[in-house]
Amino acid sequence: MRYYSTQRPLGPGTFPRQDGTESVVNFDGPTYCEEIGREAWGYIEYQCGLEPNECSRYELTPGLVTKEQGTNGTIPCPHCGRWSEYTSL
């Protein structure tokens, strides 16, 4: 699950830690990301989705999911089974 940082570069304390953090990518500066339709400083990918309150607390914007992954704005995490809110394509 990919989450974009639209307010600042990703660094210590700017995103929630969880087992399964796959990668953190910072861009050279704010970069337009078609997936979310706005500029972001970078993104982080997790194996398991974040709760909506975690996204809000860290000002992260979830990336889009495909129709194969889910519909109606919610999908189950393929690893933990927890349902999270996302914007579907």
C-alpha atoms as a PDB file:
ATOM      1  CA  MET A   1       0.000   0.000   0.000  1.00  0.00           C
ATOM      2  CA  ARG A   2       1.498   3.325  -1.083  1.00  0.00           C
ATOM      3  CA  TYR A   3       1.094   6.601   0.821  1.00  0.00           C
ATOM      4  CA  TYR A   4       2.285   9.982  -0.440  1.00  0.00           C
ATOM      5  CA  SER A   5       3.734  12.752   1.707  1.00  0.00           C
ATOM      6  CA  THR A   6       2.234  15.992   0.390  1.00  0.00           C
ATOM      7  CA  GLN A   7       3.466  18.312   3.155  1.00  0.00           C
ATOM      8  CA  ARG A   8       7.171  17.504   3.630  1.00  0.00           C
ATOM      9  CA  PRO A   9       9.980  15.091   2.736  1.00  0.00           C
ATOM     10  CA  LEU A  10       9.781  11.770   4.563  1.00  0.00           C
ATOM     11  CA  GLY A  11      12.159  11.489   7.495  1.00  0.00           C
ATOM     12  CA  PRO A  12      12.259  10.306  11.108  1.00  0.00           C
ATOM     13  CA  GLY A  13       8.959  11.028  12.826  1.00  0.00           C
ATOM     14  CA  THR A  14       7.093  11.927   9.628  1.00  0.00           C
ATOM     15  CA  PHE A  15       5.434   8.531   9.087  1.00  0.00           C
ATOM     16  CA  PRO A  16       4.195   5.701  11.305  1.00  0.00           C
ATOM     17  CA  ARG A  17       6.575   2.793  11.798  1.00  0.00           C
ATOM     18  CA  GLN A  18       5.261  -0.731  11.358  1.00  0.00           C
ATOM     19  CA  ASP A  19       6.685  -4.099  10.549  1.00  0.00           C
ATOM     20  CA  GLY A  20       6.423  -4.534   6.817  1.00  0.00           C
ATOM     21  CA  THR A  21       7.704  -1.109   5.783  1.00  0.00           C
ATOM     22  CA  GLU A  22       8.999  -1.908   2.331  1.00  0.00           C
ATOM     23  CA  SER A  23      10.461   1.322   1.046  1.00  0.00           C
ATOM     24  CA  VAL A  24      10.661   5.065   1.535  1.00  0.00           C
ATOM     25  CA  VAL A  25      11.240   7.253  -1.527  1.00  0.00           C
ATOM     26  CA  ASN A  26      11.884  11.004  -1.391  1.00  0.00           C
ATOM     27  CA  PHE A  27      11.814  13.065  -4.569  1.00  0.00           C
ATOM     28  CA  ASP A  28      14.271  15.937  -5.197  1.00  0.00           C
ATOM     29  CA  GLY A  29      11.448  18.383  -4.473  1.00  0.00           C
ATOM     30  CA  PRO A  30       7.680  18.567  -4.736  1.00  0.00           C
ATOM     31  CA  THR A  31       6.729  16.477  -7.769  1.00  0.00           C
ATOM     32  CA  TYR A  32       3.329  16.121  -9.430  1.00  0.00           C
ATOM     33  CA  CYS A  33       2.009  12.567  -8.928  1.00  0.00           C
ATOM     34  CA  GLU A  34      -0.742  11.576 -11.313  1.00  0.00           C
ATOM     35  CA  GLU A  35      -1.883   8.791  -8.965  1.00  0.00           C
ATOM     36  CA  ILE A  36      -3.100  11.332  -6.383  1.00  0.00           C
ATOM     37  CA  GLY A  37      -3.572  14.328  -8.680  1.00  0.00           C
ATOM     38  CA  ARG A  38      -1.282  16.666  -6.749  1.00  0.00           C
ATOM     39  CA  GLU A  39       2.315  17.317  -5.761  1.00  0.00           C
ATOM     40  CA  ALA A  40       4.094  15.172  -3.196  1.00  0.00           C
ATOM     41  CA  TRP A  41       7.544  15.112  -1.625  1.00  0.00           C
ATOM     42  CA  GLY A  42       7.786  11.328  -1.797  1.00  0.00           C
ATOM     43  CA  TYR A  43       6.022   8.137  -0.814  1.00  0.00           C
ATOM     44  CA  ILE A  44       6.237   5.182   1.535  1.00  0.00           C
ATOM     45  CA  GLU A  45       5.034   1.664   0.875  1.00  0.00           C
ATOM     46  CA  TYR A  46       3.720  -0.696   3.544  1.00  0.00           C
ATOM     47  CA  GLN A  47       2.696  -4.327   3.345  1.00  0.00           C
ATOM     48  CA  CYS A  48      -0.395  -3.553   5.446  1.00  0.00           C
ATOM     49  CA  GLY A  49      -2.607  -0.508   5.025  1.00  0.00           C
ATOM     50  CA  LEU A  50      -2.753   2.316   7.548  1.00  0.00           C
ATOM     51  CA  GLU A  51      -5.832   3.288   9.499  1.00  0.00           C
ATOM     52  CA  PRO A  52      -7.439   6.544   8.283  1.00  0.00           C
ATOM     53  CA  ASN A  53      -6.506   8.285  11.560  1.00  0.00           C
ATOM     54  CA  GLU A  54      -2.832   7.392  10.986  1.00  0.00           C
ATOM     55  CA  CYS A  55      -2.980   8.940   7.510  1.00  0.00           C
ATOM     56  CA  SER A  56      -4.493  12.084   8.976  1.00  0.00           C
ATOM     57  CA  ARG A  57      -2.062  12.320  11.905  1.00  0.00           C
ATOM     58  CA  TYR A  58       0.973  12.090   9.592  1.00  0.00           C
ATOM     59  CA  GLU A  59      -0.649  14.012   6.711  1.00  0.00           C
ATOM     60  CA  LEU A  60      -0.230  11.105   4.272  1.00  0.00           C
ATOM     61  CA  THR A  61      -2.363  10.654   1.167  1.00  0.00           C
ATOM     62  CA  PRO A  62      -3.162   7.064   0.174  1.00  0.00           C
ATOM     63  CA  GLY A  63      -2.449   6.072  -3.400  1.00  0.00           C
ATOM     64  CA  LEU A  64      -5.169   4.765  -5.660  1.00  0.00           C
ATOM     65  CA  VAL A  65      -6.127   1.111  -5.872  1.00  0.00           C
ATOM     66  CA  THR A  66      -7.348  -0.757  -8.921  1.00  0.00           C
ATOM     67  CA  LYS A  67     -10.794  -2.234  -9.325  1.00  0.00           C
ATOM     68  CA  GLU A  68      -9.199  -5.654  -8.929  1.00  0.00           C
ATOM     69  CA  GLN A  69      -8.029  -4.652  -5.454  1.00  0.00           C
ATOM     70  CA  GLY A  70     -11.329  -3.295  -4.209  1.00  0.00           C
ATOM     71  CA  THR A  71     -14.441  -1.249  -4.827  1.00  0.00           C
ATOM     72  CA  ASN A  72     -16.601   1.239  -2.949  1.00  0.00           C
ATOM     73  CA  GLY A  73     -13.542   2.924  -1.450  1.00  0.00           C
ATOM     74  CA  THR A  74     -12.566   0.070   0.891  1.00  0.00           C
ATOM     75  CA  ILE A  75     -10.283  -2.914   0.457  1.00  0.00           C
ATOM     76  CA  PRO A  76      -8.983  -5.630   2.761  1.00  0.00           C
ATOM     77  CA  CYS A  77      -5.251  -5.646   3.383  1.00  0.00           C
ATOM     78  CA  PRO A  78      -3.921  -8.779   1.681  1.00  0.00           C
ATOM     79  CA  HIS A  79      -1.558  -9.419   4.612  1.00  0.00           C
ATOM     80  CA  CYS A  80      -3.538  -8.699   7.777  1.00  0.00           C
ATOM     81  CA  GLY A  81      -7.132  -8.670   6.491  1.00  0.00           C
ATOM     82  CA  ARG A  82      -7.890  -5.258   8.054  1.00  0.00           C
ATOM     83  CA  TRP A  83     -10.219  -3.101   5.955  1.00  0.00           C
ATOM     84  CA  SER A  84      -8.932   0.353   5.060  1.00  0.00           C
ATOM     85  CA  GLU A  85     -10.396   3.280   3.192  1.00  0.00           C
ATOM     86  CA  TYR A  86      -8.921   4.132  -0.194  1.00  0.00           C
ATOM     87  CA  THR A  87      -9.992   5.824  -3.364  1.00  0.00           C
ATOM     88  CA  SER A  88     -10.654   3.261  -6.073  1.00  0.00           C
ATOM     89  CA  LEU A  89     -10.116   3.788  -9.798  1.00  0.00           C
END
